[in-house]
PDB file of all heavy atoms in Angstrom:
ATOM      1  N   LEU A   1     -14.768 -40.818  40.193  1.00  0.00           N
ATOM      2  CA  LEU A   1     -15.797 -39.835  39.885  1.00  0.00           C
ATOM      3  C   LEU A   1     -15.146 -38.467  39.695  1.00  0.00           C
ATOM      4  O   LEU A   1     -14.330 -38.041  40.504  1.00  0.00           O
ATOM      5  CB  LEU A   1     -16.840 -39.770  41.005  1.00  0.00           C
ATOM      6  CG  LEU A   1     -17.579 -41.076  41.289  1.00  0.00           C
ATOM      7  CD1 LEU A   1     -18.507 -40.907  42.476  1.00  0.00           C
ATOM      8  CD2 LEU A   1     -18.351 -41.525  40.064  1.00  0.00           C
ATOM      9  N   SER A   2     -15.515 -37.792  38.654  1.00  0.00           N
ATOM     10  CA  SER A   2     -14.929 -36.507  38.306  1.00  0.00           C
ATOM     11  C   SER A   2     -15.382 -35.404  39.264  1.00  0.00           C
ATOM     12  O   SER A   2     -16.574 -35.248  39.530  1.00  0.00           O
ATOM     13  CB  SER A   2     -15.343 -36.126  36.884  1.00  0.00           C
ATOM     14  OG  SER A   2     -15.006 -34.782  36.624  1.00  0.00           O
ATOM     15  N   SER A   3     -14.425 -34.612  39.725  1.00  0.00           N
ATOM     16  CA  SER A   3     -14.762 -33.481  40.590  1.00  0.00           C
ATOM     17  C   SER A   3     -15.430 -32.347  39.805  1.00  0.00           C
ATOM     18  O   SER A   3     -15.933 -31.406  40.399  1.00  0.00           O
ATOM     19  CB  SER A   3     -13.517 -32.961  41.308  1.00  0.00           C
ATOM     20  OG  SER A   3     -12.557 -32.526  40.371  1.00  0.00           O
ATOM     21  N   GLU A   4     -15.427 -32.445  38.477  1.00  0.00           N
ATOM     22  CA  GLU A   4     -16.157 -31.468  37.666  1.00  0.00           C
ATOM     23  C   GLU A   4     -17.660 -31.720  37.740  1.00  0.00           C
ATOM     24  O   GLU A   4     -18.452 -30.817  37.517  1.00  0.00           O
ATOM     25  CB  GLU A   4     -15.685 -31.524  36.215  1.00  0.00           C
ATOM     26  CG  GLU A   4     -14.254 -31.063  36.037  1.00  0.00           C
ATOM     27  CD  GLU A   4     -13.770 -31.222  34.614  1.00  0.00           C
ATOM     28  OE1 GLU A   4     -14.562 -31.655  33.735  1.00  0.00           O
ATOM     29  OE2 GLU A   4     -12.593 -30.933  34.376  1.00  0.00           O
ATOM     30  N   ILE A   5     -18.042 -32.961  38.050  1.00  0.00           N
ATOM     31  CA  ILE A   5     -19.453 -33.345  38.101  1.00  0.00           C
ATOM     32  C   ILE A   5     -19.910 -33.595  39.532  1.00  0.00           C
ATOM     33  O   ILE A   5     -21.011 -33.231  39.912  1.00  0.00           O
ATOM     34  CB  ILE A   5     -19.692 -34.604  37.233  1.00  0.00           C
ATOM     35  CG1 ILE A   5     -19.345 -34.310  35.776  1.00  0.00           C
ATOM     36  CG2 ILE A   5     -21.122 -35.099  37.376  1.00  0.00           C
ATOM     37  CD1 ILE A   5     -19.317 -35.537  34.887  1.00  0.00           C
ATOM     38  N   TRP A   6     -19.048 -34.226  40.326  1.00  0.00           N
ATOM     39  CA  TRP A   6     -19.393 -34.671  41.679  1.00  0.00           C
ATOM     40  C   TRP A   6     -18.726 -33.810  42.732  1.00  0.00           C
ATOM     41  O   TRP A   6     -17.551 -33.486  42.631  1.00  0.00           O
ATOM     42  CB  TRP A   6     -18.980 -36.124  41.873  1.00  0.00           C
ATOM     43  CG  TRP A   6     -19.769 -37.061  41.018  1.00  0.00           C
ATOM     44  CD1 TRP A   6     -19.463 -37.461  39.748  1.00  0.00           C
ATOM     45  CD2 TRP A   6     -20.998 -37.691  41.353  1.00  0.00           C
ATOM     46  NE1 TRP A   6     -20.431 -38.310  39.278  1.00  0.00           N
ATOM     47  CE2 TRP A   6     -21.388 -38.475  40.258  1.00  0.00           C
ATOM     48  CE3 TRP A   6     -21.808 -37.687  42.483  1.00  0.00           C
ATOM     49  CZ2 TRP A   6     -22.541 -39.240  40.238  1.00  0.00           C
ATOM     50  CZ3 TRP A   6     -22.964 -38.447  42.473  1.00  0.00           C
ATOM     51  CH2 TRP A   6     -23.316 -39.205  41.370  1.00  0.00           C
ATOM     52  N   MET A   7     -19.467 -33.497  43.782  1.00  0.00           N
ATOM     53  CA  MET A   7     -18.959 -32.720  44.904  1.00  0.00           C
ATOM     54  C   MET A   7     -18.957 -33.599  46.161  1.00  0.00           C
ATOM     55  O   MET A   7     -19.995 -34.162  46.506  1.00  0.00           O
ATOM     56  CB  MET A   7     -19.863 -31.501  45.135  1.00  0.00           C
ATOM     57  CG  MET A   7     -19.462 -30.652  46.322  1.00  0.00           C
ATOM     58  SD  MET A   7     -20.633 -29.293  46.612  1.00  0.00           S
ATOM     59  CE  MET A   7     -20.245 -28.238  45.230  1.00  0.00           C
ATOM     60  N   PRO A   8     -17.799 -33.731  46.833  1.00  0.00           N
ATOM     61  CA  PRO A   8     -17.784 -34.495  48.083  1.00  0.00           C
ATOM     62  C   PRO A   8     -18.265 -33.605  49.233  1.00  0.00           C
ATOM     63  O   PRO A   8     -17.861 -32.445  49.345  1.00  0.00           O
ATOM     64  CB  PRO A   8     -16.308 -34.855  48.248  1.00  0.00           C
ATOM     65  CG  PRO A   8     -15.579 -33.723  47.592  1.00  0.00           C
ATOM     66  CD  PRO A   8     -16.470 -33.271  46.452  1.00  0.00           C
ATOM     67  N   LEU A   9     -19.135 -34.143  50.070  1.00  0.00           N
ATOM     68  CA  LEU A   9     -19.674 -33.364  51.174  1.00  0.00           C
ATOM     69  C   LEU A   9     -19.802 -34.207  52.430  1.00  0.00           C
ATOM     70  O   LEU A   9     -20.010 -35.420  52.358  1.00  0.00           O
ATOM     71  CB  LEU A   9     -21.065 -32.819  50.819  1.00  0.00           C
ATOM     72  CG  LEU A   9     -21.139 -31.805  49.689  1.00  0.00           C
ATOM     73  CD1 LEU A   9     -22.570 -31.636  49.235  1.00  0.00           C
ATOM     74  CD2 LEU A   9     -20.543 -30.489  50.124  1.00  0.00           C
ATOM     75  N   ALA A  10     -19.730 -33.543  53.577  1.00  0.00           N
ATOM     76  CA  ALA A  10     -20.036 -34.198  54.851  1.00  0.00           C
ATOM     77  C   ALA A  10     -21.545 -34.188  55.021  1.00  0.00           C
ATOM     78  O   ALA A  10     -22.230 -33.253  54.578  1.00  0.00           O
ATOM     79  CB  ALA A  10     -19.376 -33.444  55.996  1.00  0.00           C
ATOM     80  N   SER A  11     -22.075 -35.208  55.679  1.00  0.00           N
ATOM     81  CA  SER A  11     -23.536 -35.294  55.847  1.00  0.00           C
ATOM     82  C   SER A  11     -24.087 -34.142  56.674  1.00  0.00           C
ATOM     83  O   SER A  11     -25.266 -33.826  56.587  1.00  0.00           O
ATOM     84  CB  SER A  11     -23.925 -36.624  56.478  1.00  0.00           C
ATOM     85  OG  SER A  11     -23.328 -36.766  57.745  1.00  0.00           O
ATOM     86  N   SER A  12     -23.245 -33.471  57.436  1.00  0.00           N
ATOM     87  CA  SER A  12     -23.689 -32.333  58.248  1.00  0.00           C
ATOM     88  C   SER A  12     -23.625 -31.004  57.499  1.00  0.00           C
ATOM     89  O   SER A  12     -23.987 -29.969  58.057  1.00  0.00           O
ATOM     90  CB  SER A  12     -22.840 -32.240  59.520  1.00  0.00           C
ATOM     91  OG  SER A  12     -21.474 -32.054  59.168  1.00  0.00           O
ATOM     92  N   SER A  13     -23.186 -31.018  56.240  1.00  0.00           N
ATOM     93  CA  SER A  13     -23.090 -29.777  55.451  1.00  0.00           C
ATOM     94  C   SER A  13     -24.457 -29.142  55.279  1.00  0.00           C
ATOM     95  O   SER A  13     -25.462 -29.828  55.116  1.00  0.00           O
ATOM     96  CB  SER A  13     -22.497 -30.066  54.070  1.00  0.00           C
ATOM     97  OG  SER A  13     -21.203 -30.585  54.172  1.00  0.00           O
ATOM     98  N   ASN A  14     -24.477 -27.829  55.301  1.00  0.00           N
ATOM     99  CA  ASN A  14     -25.720 -27.090  55.099  1.00  0.00           C
ATOM    100  C   ASN A  14     -25.541 -26.180  53.897  1.00  0.00           C
ATOM    101  O   ASN A  14     -24.794 -25.212  53.956  1.00  0.00           O
ATOM    102  CB  ASN A  14     -26.062 -26.275  56.352  1.00  0.00           C
ATOM    103  CG  ASN A  14     -27.421 -25.630  56.238  1.00  0.00           C
ATOM    104  OD1 ASN A  14     -28.144 -25.834  55.280  1.00  0.00           O
ATOM    105  ND2 ASN A  14     -27.762 -24.835  57.221  1.00  0.00           N
ATOM    106  N   LEU A  15     -26.190 -26.505  52.823  1.00  0.00           N
ATOM    107  CA  LEU A  15     -26.068 -25.748  51.573  1.00  0.00           C
ATOM    108  C   LEU A  15     -27.406 -25.119  51.229  1.00  0.00           C
ATOM    109  O   LEU A  15     -28.118 -25.589  50.353  1.00  0.00           O
ATOM    110  CB  LEU A  15     -25.604 -26.666  50.443  1.00  0.00           C
ATOM    111  CG  LEU A  15     -24.297 -27.409  50.683  1.00  0.00           C
ATOM    112  CD1 LEU A  15     -24.082 -28.453  49.611  1.00  0.00           C
ATOM    113  CD2 LEU A  15     -23.145 -26.448  50.737  1.00  0.00           C
ATOM    114  N   CYS A  16     -27.746 -24.078  51.919  1.00  0.00           N
ATOM    115  CA  CYS A  16     -29.054 -23.433  51.721  1.00  0.00           C
ATOM    116  C   CYS A  16     -29.294 -23.104  50.255  1.00  0.00           C
ATOM    117  O   CYS A  16     -28.468 -22.462  49.608  1.00  0.00           O
ATOM    118  CB  CYS A  16     -29.148 -22.165  52.554  1.00  0.00           C
ATOM    119  SG  CYS A  16     -29.319 -22.495  54.296  1.00  0.00           S
ATOM    120  N   GLY A  17     -30.405 -23.578  49.738  1.00  0.00           N
ATOM    121  CA  GLY A  17     -30.806 -23.258  48.372  1.00  0.00           C
ATOM    122  C   GLY A  17     -30.141 -24.086  47.294  1.00  0.00           C
ATOM    123  O   GLY A  17     -30.548 -24.040  46.143  1.00  0.00           O
ATOM    124  N   ARG A  18     -29.129 -24.830  47.617  1.00  0.00           N
ATOM    125  CA  ARG A  18     -28.409 -25.631  46.618  1.00  0.00           C
ATOM    126  C   ARG A  18     -29.185 -26.904  46.322  1.00  0.00           C
ATOM    127  O   ARG A  18     -29.702 -27.550  47.224  1.00  0.00           O
ATOM    128  CB  ARG A  18     -27.026 -25.976  47.162  1.00  0.00           C
ATOM    129  CG  ARG A  18     -26.147 -26.756  46.229  1.00  0.00           C
ATOM    130  CD  ARG A  18     -25.701 -25.892  45.064  1.00  0.00           C
ATOM    131  NE  ARG A  18     -25.130 -26.687  44.034  1.00  0.00           N
ATOM    132  CZ  ARG A  18     -23.826 -26.884  43.869  1.00  0.00           C
ATOM    133  NH1 ARG A  18     -22.968 -26.336  44.679  1.00  0.00           N
ATOM    134  NH2 ARG A  18     -23.391 -27.625  42.872  1.00  0.00           N
ATOM    135  N   GLN A  19     -29.291 -27.253  45.043  1.00  0.00           N
ATOM    136  CA  GLN A  19     -29.953 -28.493  44.652  1.00  0.00           C
ATOM    137  C   GLN A  19     -29.049 -29.292  43.735  1.00  0.00           C
ATOM    138  O   GLN A  19     -28.231 -28.740  43.001  1.00  0.00           O
ATOM    139  CB  GLN A  19     -31.280 -28.205  43.964  1.00  0.00           C
ATOM    140  CG  GLN A  19     -32.314 -27.623  44.907  1.00  0.00           C
ATOM    141  CD  GLN A  19     -33.688 -27.614  44.282  1.00  0.00           C
ATOM    142  OE1 GLN A  19     -33.847 -27.325  43.113  1.00  0.00           O
ATOM    143  NE2 GLN A  19     -34.685 -27.949  45.084  1.00  0.00           N
ATOM    144  N   PHE A  20     -29.208 -30.599  43.780  1.00  0.00           N
ATOM    145  CA  PHE A  20     -28.393 -31.513  42.991  1.00  0.00           C
ATOM    146  C   PHE A  20     -29.281 -32.411  42.143  1.00  0.00           C
ATOM    147  O   PHE A  20     -30.394 -32.740  42.531  1.00  0.00           O
ATOM    148  CB  PHE A  20     -27.537 -32.394  43.917  1.00  0.00           C
ATOM    149  CG  PHE A  20     -26.525 -31.624  44.709  1.00  0.00           C
ATOM    150  CD1 PHE A  20     -26.809 -31.226  46.002  1.00  0.00           C
ATOM    151  CD2 PHE A  20     -25.301 -31.293  44.166  1.00  0.00           C
ATOM    152  CE1 PHE A  20     -25.884 -30.509  46.746  1.00  0.00           C
ATOM    153  CE2 PHE A  20     -24.368 -30.573  44.903  1.00  0.00           C
ATOM    154  CZ  PHE A  20     -24.661 -30.186  46.194  1.00  0.00           C
ATOM    155  N   GLU A  21     -28.749 -32.835  41.015  1.00  0.00           N
ATOM    156  CA  GLU A  21     -29.448 -33.777  40.142  1.00  0.00           C
ATOM    157  C   GLU A  21     -29.316 -35.206  40.664  1.00  0.00           C
ATOM    158  O   GLU A  21     -30.232 -36.001  40.536  1.00  0.00           O
ATOM    159  CB  GLU A  21     -28.909 -33.709  38.713  1.00  0.00           C
ATOM    160  CG  GLU A  21     -29.470 -32.577  37.904  1.00  0.00           C
ATOM    161  CD  GLU A  21     -30.981 -32.678  37.746  1.00  0.00           C
ATOM    162  OE1 GLU A  21     -31.503 -33.755  37.402  1.00  0.00           O
ATOM    163  OE2 GLU A  21     -31.638 -31.656  37.970  1.00  0.00           O
ATOM    164  N   HIS A  22     -28.168 -35.529  41.212  1.00  0.00           N
ATOM    165  CA  HIS A  22     -27.916 -36.873  41.736  1.00  0.00           C
ATOM    166  C   HIS A  22     -27.204 -36.753  43.076  1.00  0.00           C
ATOM    167  O   HIS A  22     -26.246 -35.980  43.202  1.00  0.00           O
ATOM    168  CB  HIS A  22     -27.049 -37.700  40.781  1.00  0.00           C
ATOM    169  CG  HIS A  22     -27.660 -37.895  39.446  1.00  0.00           C
ATOM    170  ND1 HIS A  22     -28.677 -38.791  39.221  1.00  0.00           N
ATOM    171  CD2 HIS A  22     -27.415 -37.298  38.261  1.00  0.00           C
ATOM    172  CE1 HIS A  22     -29.030 -38.736  37.949  1.00  0.00           C
ATOM    173  NE2 HIS A  22     -28.275 -37.833  37.346  1.00  0.00           N
ATOM    174  N   ILE A  23     -27.664 -37.527  44.046  1.00  0.00           N
ATOM    175  CA  ILE A  23     -27.022 -37.584  45.349  1.00  0.00           C
ATOM    176  C   ILE A  23     -26.803 -39.055  45.701  1.00  0.00           C
ATOM    177  O   ILE A  23     -27.724 -39.865  45.589  1.00  0.00           O
ATOM    178  CB  ILE A  23     -27.885 -36.921  46.442  1.00  0.00           C
ATOM    179  CG1 ILE A  23     -27.979 -35.409  46.201  1.00  0.00           C
ATOM    180  CG2 ILE A  23     -27.323 -37.213  47.836  1.00  0.00           C
ATOM    181  CD1 ILE A  23     -28.888 -34.692  47.191  1.00  0.00           C
ATOM    182  N   VAL A  24     -25.577 -39.367  46.095  1.00  0.00           N
ATOM    183  CA  VAL A  24     -25.267 -40.672  46.657  1.00  0.00           C
ATOM    184  C   VAL A  24     -24.957 -40.415  48.129  1.00  0.00           C
ATOM    185  O   VAL A  24     -23.996 -39.721  48.456  1.00  0.00           O
ATOM    186  CB  VAL A  24     -24.067 -41.341  45.955  1.00  0.00           C
ATOM    187  CG1 VAL A  24     -23.703 -42.640  46.654  1.00  0.00           C
ATOM    188  CG2 VAL A  24     -24.384 -41.589  44.492  1.00  0.00           C
ATOM    189  N   LEU A  25     -25.795 -40.914  48.991  1.00  0.00           N
ATOM    190  CA  LEU A  25     -25.659 -40.725  50.434  1.00  0.00           C
ATOM    191  C   LEU A  25     -25.154 -42.035  51.032  1.00  0.00           C
ATOM    192  O   LEU A  25     -25.811 -43.070  50.924  1.00  0.00           O
ATOM    193  CB  LEU A  25     -27.003 -40.332  51.036  1.00  0.00           C
ATOM    194  CG  LEU A  25     -27.060 -40.052  52.525  1.00  0.00           C
ATOM    195  CD1 LEU A  25     -26.070 -38.966  52.935  1.00  0.00           C
ATOM    196  CD2 LEU A  25     -28.477 -39.644  52.910  1.00  0.00           C
ATOM    197  N   ILE A  26     -23.974 -41.974  51.639  1.00  0.00           N
ATOM    198  CA  ILE A  26     -23.342 -43.173  52.168  1.00  0.00           C
ATOM    199  C   ILE A  26     -23.710 -43.331  53.639  1.00  0.00           C
ATOM    200  O   ILE A  26     -23.367 -42.497  54.470  1.00  0.00           O
ATOM    201  CB  ILE A  26     -21.819 -43.107  51.970  1.00  0.00           C
ATOM    202  CG1 ILE A  26     -21.536 -42.985  50.473  1.00  0.00           C
ATOM    203  CG2 ILE A  26     -21.148 -44.327  52.575  1.00  0.00           C
ATOM    204  CD1 ILE A  26     -20.155 -42.547  50.122  1.00  0.00           C
ATOM    205  N   ARG A  27     -24.435 -44.394  53.910  1.00  0.00           N
ATOM    206  CA  ARG A  27     -24.860 -44.716  55.274  1.00  0.00           C
ATOM    207  C   ARG A  27     -23.626 -45.101  56.083  1.00  0.00           C
ATOM    208  O   ARG A  27     -22.752 -45.799  55.570  1.00  0.00           O
ATOM    209  CB  ARG A  27     -25.837 -45.896  55.211  1.00  0.00           C
ATOM    210  CG  ARG A  27     -26.390 -46.349  56.524  1.00  0.00           C
ATOM    211  CD  ARG A  27     -27.292 -47.570  56.359  1.00  0.00           C
ATOM    212  NE  ARG A  27     -28.559 -47.213  55.720  1.00  0.00           N
ATOM    213  CZ  ARG A  27     -28.959 -47.629  54.537  1.00  0.00           C
ATOM    214  NH1 ARG A  27     -28.205 -48.436  53.821  1.00  0.00           N
ATOM    215  NH2 ARG A  27     -30.116 -47.265  54.052  1.00  0.00           N
ATOM    216  N   PRO A  28     -23.526 -44.666  57.339  1.00  0.00           N
ATOM    217  CA  PRO A  28     -22.387 -45.090  58.162  1.00  0.00           C
ATOM    218  C   PRO A  28     -22.330 -46.612  58.238  1.00  0.00           C
ATOM    219  O   PRO A  28     -23.333 -47.259  58.531  1.00  0.00           O
ATOM    220  CB  PRO A  28     -22.700 -44.486  59.537  1.00  0.00           C
ATOM    221  CG  PRO A  28     -23.622 -43.344  59.254  1.00  0.00           C
ATOM    222  CD  PRO A  28     -24.418 -43.766  58.052  1.00  0.00           C
ATOM    223  N   HIS A  29     -21.171 -47.180  57.945  1.00  0.00           N
ATOM    224  CA  HIS A  29     -21.020 -48.635  57.916  1.00  0.00           C
ATOM    225  C   HIS A  29     -20.323 -49.187  59.145  1.00  0.00           C
ATOM    226  O   HIS A  29     -20.057 -50.364  59.233  1.00  0.00           O
ATOM    227  CB  HIS A  29     -20.261 -49.064  56.655  1.00  0.00           C
ATOM    228  CG  HIS A  29     -21.064 -48.879  55.423  1.00  0.00           C
ATOM    229  ND1 HIS A  29     -21.018 -47.733  54.671  1.00  0.00           N
ATOM    230  CD2 HIS A  29     -21.972 -49.670  54.817  1.00  0.00           C
ATOM    231  CE1 HIS A  29     -21.845 -47.843  53.642  1.00  0.00           C
ATOM    232  NE2 HIS A  29     -22.435 -49.005  53.704  1.00  0.00           N
ATOM    233  N   TRP A  30     -19.991 -48.337  60.076  1.00  0.00           N
ATOM    234  CA  TRP A  30     -19.370 -48.810  61.303  1.00  0.00           C
ATOM    235  C   TRP A  30     -20.449 -48.975  62.362  1.00  0.00           C
ATOM    236  O   TRP A  30     -21.597 -48.643  62.154  1.00  0.00           O
ATOM    237  CB  TRP A  30     -18.287 -47.834  61.764  1.00  0.00           C
ATOM    238  CG  TRP A  30     -18.787 -46.431  61.840  1.00  0.00           C
ATOM    239  CD1 TRP A  30     -19.321 -45.804  62.927  1.00  0.00           C
ATOM    240  CD2 TRP A  30     -18.838 -45.474  60.783  1.00  0.00           C
ATOM    241  NE1 TRP A  30     -19.701 -44.528  62.617  1.00  0.00           N
ATOM    242  CE2 TRP A  30     -19.419 -44.289  61.293  1.00  0.00           C
ATOM    243  CE3 TRP A  30     -18.450 -45.484  59.438  1.00  0.00           C
ATOM    244  CZ2 TRP A  30     -19.620 -43.151  60.532  1.00  0.00           C
ATOM    245  CZ3 TRP A  30     -18.660 -44.338  58.694  1.00  0.00           C
ATOM    246  CH2 TRP A  30     -19.232 -43.201  59.246  1.00  0.00           C
ATOM    247  N   TRP A  31     -20.058 -49.477  63.490  1.00  0.00           N
ATOM    248  CA  TRP A  31     -21.008 -49.713  64.574  1.00  0.00           C
ATOM    249  C   TRP A  31     -21.618 -48.389  65.001  1.00  0.00           C
ATOM    250  O   TRP A  31     -20.919 -47.446  65.328  1.00  0.00           O
ATOM    251  CB  TRP A  31     -20.303 -50.381  65.745  1.00  0.00           C
ATOM    252  CG  TRP A  31     -21.257 -50.680  66.848  1.00  0.00           C
ATOM    253  CD1 TRP A  31     -21.396 -49.981  68.000  1.00  0.00           C
ATOM    254  CD2 TRP A  31     -22.234 -51.707  66.883  1.00  0.00           C
ATOM    255  NE1 TRP A  31     -22.382 -50.521  68.764  1.00  0.00           N
ATOM    256  CE2 TRP A  31     -22.920 -51.590  68.103  1.00  0.00           C
ATOM    257  CE3 TRP A  31     -22.596 -52.725  66.021  1.00  0.00           C
ATOM    258  CZ2 TRP A  31     -23.942 -52.449  68.468  1.00  0.00           C
ATOM    259  CZ3 TRP A  31     -23.615 -53.567  66.401  1.00  0.00           C
ATOM    260  CH2 TRP A  31     -24.271 -53.427  67.600  1.00  0.00           C
ATOM    261  N   THR A  32     -22.934 -48.314  65.001  1.00  0.00           N
ATOM    262  CA  THR A  32     -23.638 -47.107  65.436  1.00  0.00           C
ATOM    263  C   THR A  32     -24.629 -47.469  66.537  1.00  0.00           C
ATOM    264  O   THR A  32     -25.135 -48.582  66.584  1.00  0.00           O
ATOM    265  CB  THR A  32     -24.403 -46.444  64.270  1.00  0.00           C
ATOM    266  OG1 THR A  32     -25.336 -47.382  63.748  1.00  0.00           O
ATOM    267  CG2 THR A  32     -23.474 -45.979  63.178  1.00  0.00           C
ATOM    268  N   SER A  33     -24.885 -46.499  67.364  1.00  0.00           N
ATOM    269  CA  SER A  33     -25.869 -46.708  68.422  1.00  0.00           C
ATOM    270  C   SER A  33     -27.269 -46.605  67.812  1.00  0.00           C
ATOM    271  O   SER A  33     -27.428 -46.062  66.711  1.00  0.00           O
ATOM    272  CB  SER A  33     -25.698 -45.651  69.509  1.00  0.00           C
ATOM    273  OG  SER A  33     -26.107 -44.382  69.017  1.00  0.00           O
ATOM    274  N   PRO A  34     -28.284 -47.082  68.512  1.00  0.00           N
ATOM    275  CA  PRO A  34     -29.650 -46.918  68.010  1.00  0.00           C
ATOM    276  C   PRO A  34     -30.004 -45.444  67.778  1.00  0.00           C
ATOM    277  O   PRO A  34     -30.691 -45.117  66.813  1.00  0.00           O
ATOM    278  CB  PRO A  34     -30.514 -47.535  69.106  1.00  0.00           C
ATOM    279  CG  PRO A  34     -29.625 -48.542  69.761  1.00  0.00           C
ATOM    280  CD  PRO A  34     -28.253 -47.923  69.714  1.00  0.00           C
ATOM    281  N   GLY A  35     -29.494 -44.556  68.621  1.00  0.00           N
ATOM    282  CA  GLY A  35     -29.757 -43.125  68.444  1.00  0.00           C
ATOM    283  C   GLY A  35     -29.133 -42.576  67.172  1.00  0.00           C
ATOM    284  O   GLY A  35     -29.745 -41.784  66.458  1.00  0.00           O
ATOM    285  N   GLU A  36     -27.900 -43.001  66.872  1.00  0.00           N
ATOM    286  CA  GLU A  36     -27.228 -42.559  65.641  1.00  0.00           C
ATOM    287  C   GLU A  36     -27.940 -43.115  64.415  1.00  0.00           C
ATOM    288  O   GLU A  36     -28.098 -42.413  63.404  1.00  0.00           O
ATOM    289  CB  GLU A  36     -25.769 -43.002  65.652  1.00  0.00           C
ATOM    290  CG  GLU A  36     -24.931 -42.283  66.685  1.00  0.00           C
ATOM    291  CD  GLU A  36     -23.571 -42.925  66.896  1.00  0.00           C
ATOM    292  OE1 GLU A  36     -23.479 -44.171  66.811  1.00  0.00           O
ATOM    293  OE2 GLU A  36     -22.625 -42.179  67.147  1.00  0.00           O
ATOM    294  N   PHE A  37     -28.377 -44.362  64.492  1.00  0.00           N
ATOM    295  CA  PHE A  37     -29.122 -44.977  63.395  1.00  0.00           C
ATOM    296  C   PHE A  37     -30.409 -44.194  63.133  1.00  0.00           C
ATOM    297  O   PHE A  37     -30.723 -43.850  61.989  1.00  0.00           O
ATOM    298  CB  PHE A  37     -29.445 -46.435  63.744  1.00  0.00           C
ATOM    299  CG  PHE A  37     -30.242 -47.151  62.695  1.00  0.00           C
ATOM    300  CD1 PHE A  37     -29.618 -47.734  61.607  1.00  0.00           C
ATOM    301  CD2 PHE A  37     -31.624 -47.235  62.791  1.00  0.00           C
ATOM    302  CE1 PHE A  37     -30.354 -48.394  60.626  1.00  0.00           C
ATOM    303  CE2 PHE A  37     -32.366 -47.895  61.812  1.00  0.00           C
ATOM    304  CZ  PHE A  37     -31.732 -48.476  60.731  1.00  0.00           C
ATOM    305  N   ASN A  38     -31.150 -43.892  64.206  1.00  0.00           N
ATOM    306  CA  ASN A  38     -32.391 -43.125  64.068  1.00  0.00           C
ATOM    307  C   ASN A  38     -32.133 -41.724  63.538  1.00  0.00           C
ATOM    308  O   ASN A  38     -32.893 -41.219  62.710  1.00  0.00           O
ATOM    309  CB  ASN A  38     -33.138 -43.064  65.398  1.00  0.00           C
ATOM    310  CG  ASN A  38     -33.754 -44.392  65.764  1.00  0.00           C
ATOM    311  OD1 ASN A  38     -34.032 -45.224  64.905  1.00  0.00           O
ATOM    312  ND2 ASN A  38     -33.941 -44.619  67.058  1.00  0.00           N
ATOM    313  N   HIS A  39     -31.061 -41.094  64.015  1.00  0.00           N
ATOM    314  CA  HIS A  39     -30.723 -39.750  63.537  1.00  0.00           C
ATOM    315  C   HIS A  39     -30.475 -39.763  62.026  1.00  0.00           C
ATOM    316  O   HIS A  39     -30.952 -38.893  61.295  1.00  0.00           O
ATOM    317  CB  HIS A  39     -29.494 -39.201  64.269  1.00  0.00           C
ATOM    318  CG  HIS A  39     -28.997 -37.914  63.704  1.00  0.00           C
ATOM    319  ND1 HIS A  39     -29.635 -36.718  63.923  1.00  0.00           N
ATOM    320  CD2 HIS A  39     -27.944 -37.637  62.887  1.00  0.00           C
ATOM    321  CE1 HIS A  39     -28.984 -35.762  63.282  1.00  0.00           C
ATOM    322  NE2 HIS A  39     -27.958 -36.299  62.648  1.00  0.00           N
TER     323      HIS A  39
END
Protein backbone atom coordinates (compact mmCIF):
# COMPACT_ATOMS: atom_id res chain seq x y z
CA LEU A 1 0.00 0.00 0.00
CA SER A 2 1.36 3.38 -1.01
CA SER A 3 2.28 5.80 1.77
CA GLU A 4 1.07 8.58 -0.55
CA ILE A 5 -2.48 7.25 -0.11
CA TRP A 6 -2.40 5.22 3.13
CA MET A 7 -1.36 6.36 6.59
CA PRO A 8 -0.30 3.80 9.23
CA LEU A 9 -1.70 4.57 12.67
CA ALA A 10 -1.94 3.08 16.14
CA SER A 11 -5.50 2.41 17.30
CA SER A 12 -4.90 4.80 20.22
CA SER A 13 -4.04 7.73 17.90
CA ASN A 14 -6.13 10.85 18.36
CA LEU A 15 -6.48 12.93 15.21
CA CYS A 16 -8.95 15.64 16.13
CA GLY A 17 -10.89 16.80 13.09
CA ARG A 18 -9.13 14.46 10.67
CA GLN A 19 -11.33 12.37 8.38
CA PHE A 20 -10.51 9.54 6.02
CA GLU A 21 -12.19 8.13 2.93
CA HIS A 22 -11.16 4.55 3.73
CA ILE A 23 -10.14 2.97 7.02
CA VAL A 24 -8.91 -0.58 7.51
CA LEU A 25 -9.02 -1.34 11.23
CA ILE A 26 -7.09 -4.45 12.20
CA ARG A 27 -8.63 -6.32 15.11
CA PRO A 28 -6.06 -7.70 17.58
CA HIS A 29 -5.42 -11.30 16.52
CA TRP A 30 -3.58 -12.44 19.60
CA TRP A 31 -5.11 -13.71 22.81
CA THR A 32 -7.12 -10.92 24.44
CA SER A 33 -9.00 -10.77 27.68
CA PRO A 34 -12.77 -10.24 27.66
CA GLY A 35 -12.12 -6.66 28.81
CA GLU A 36 -9.75 -5.97 25.90
CA PHE A 37 -12.24 -7.51 23.47
CA ASN A 38 -15.03 -5.30 24.84
CA HIS A 39 -12.80 -2.23 24.77
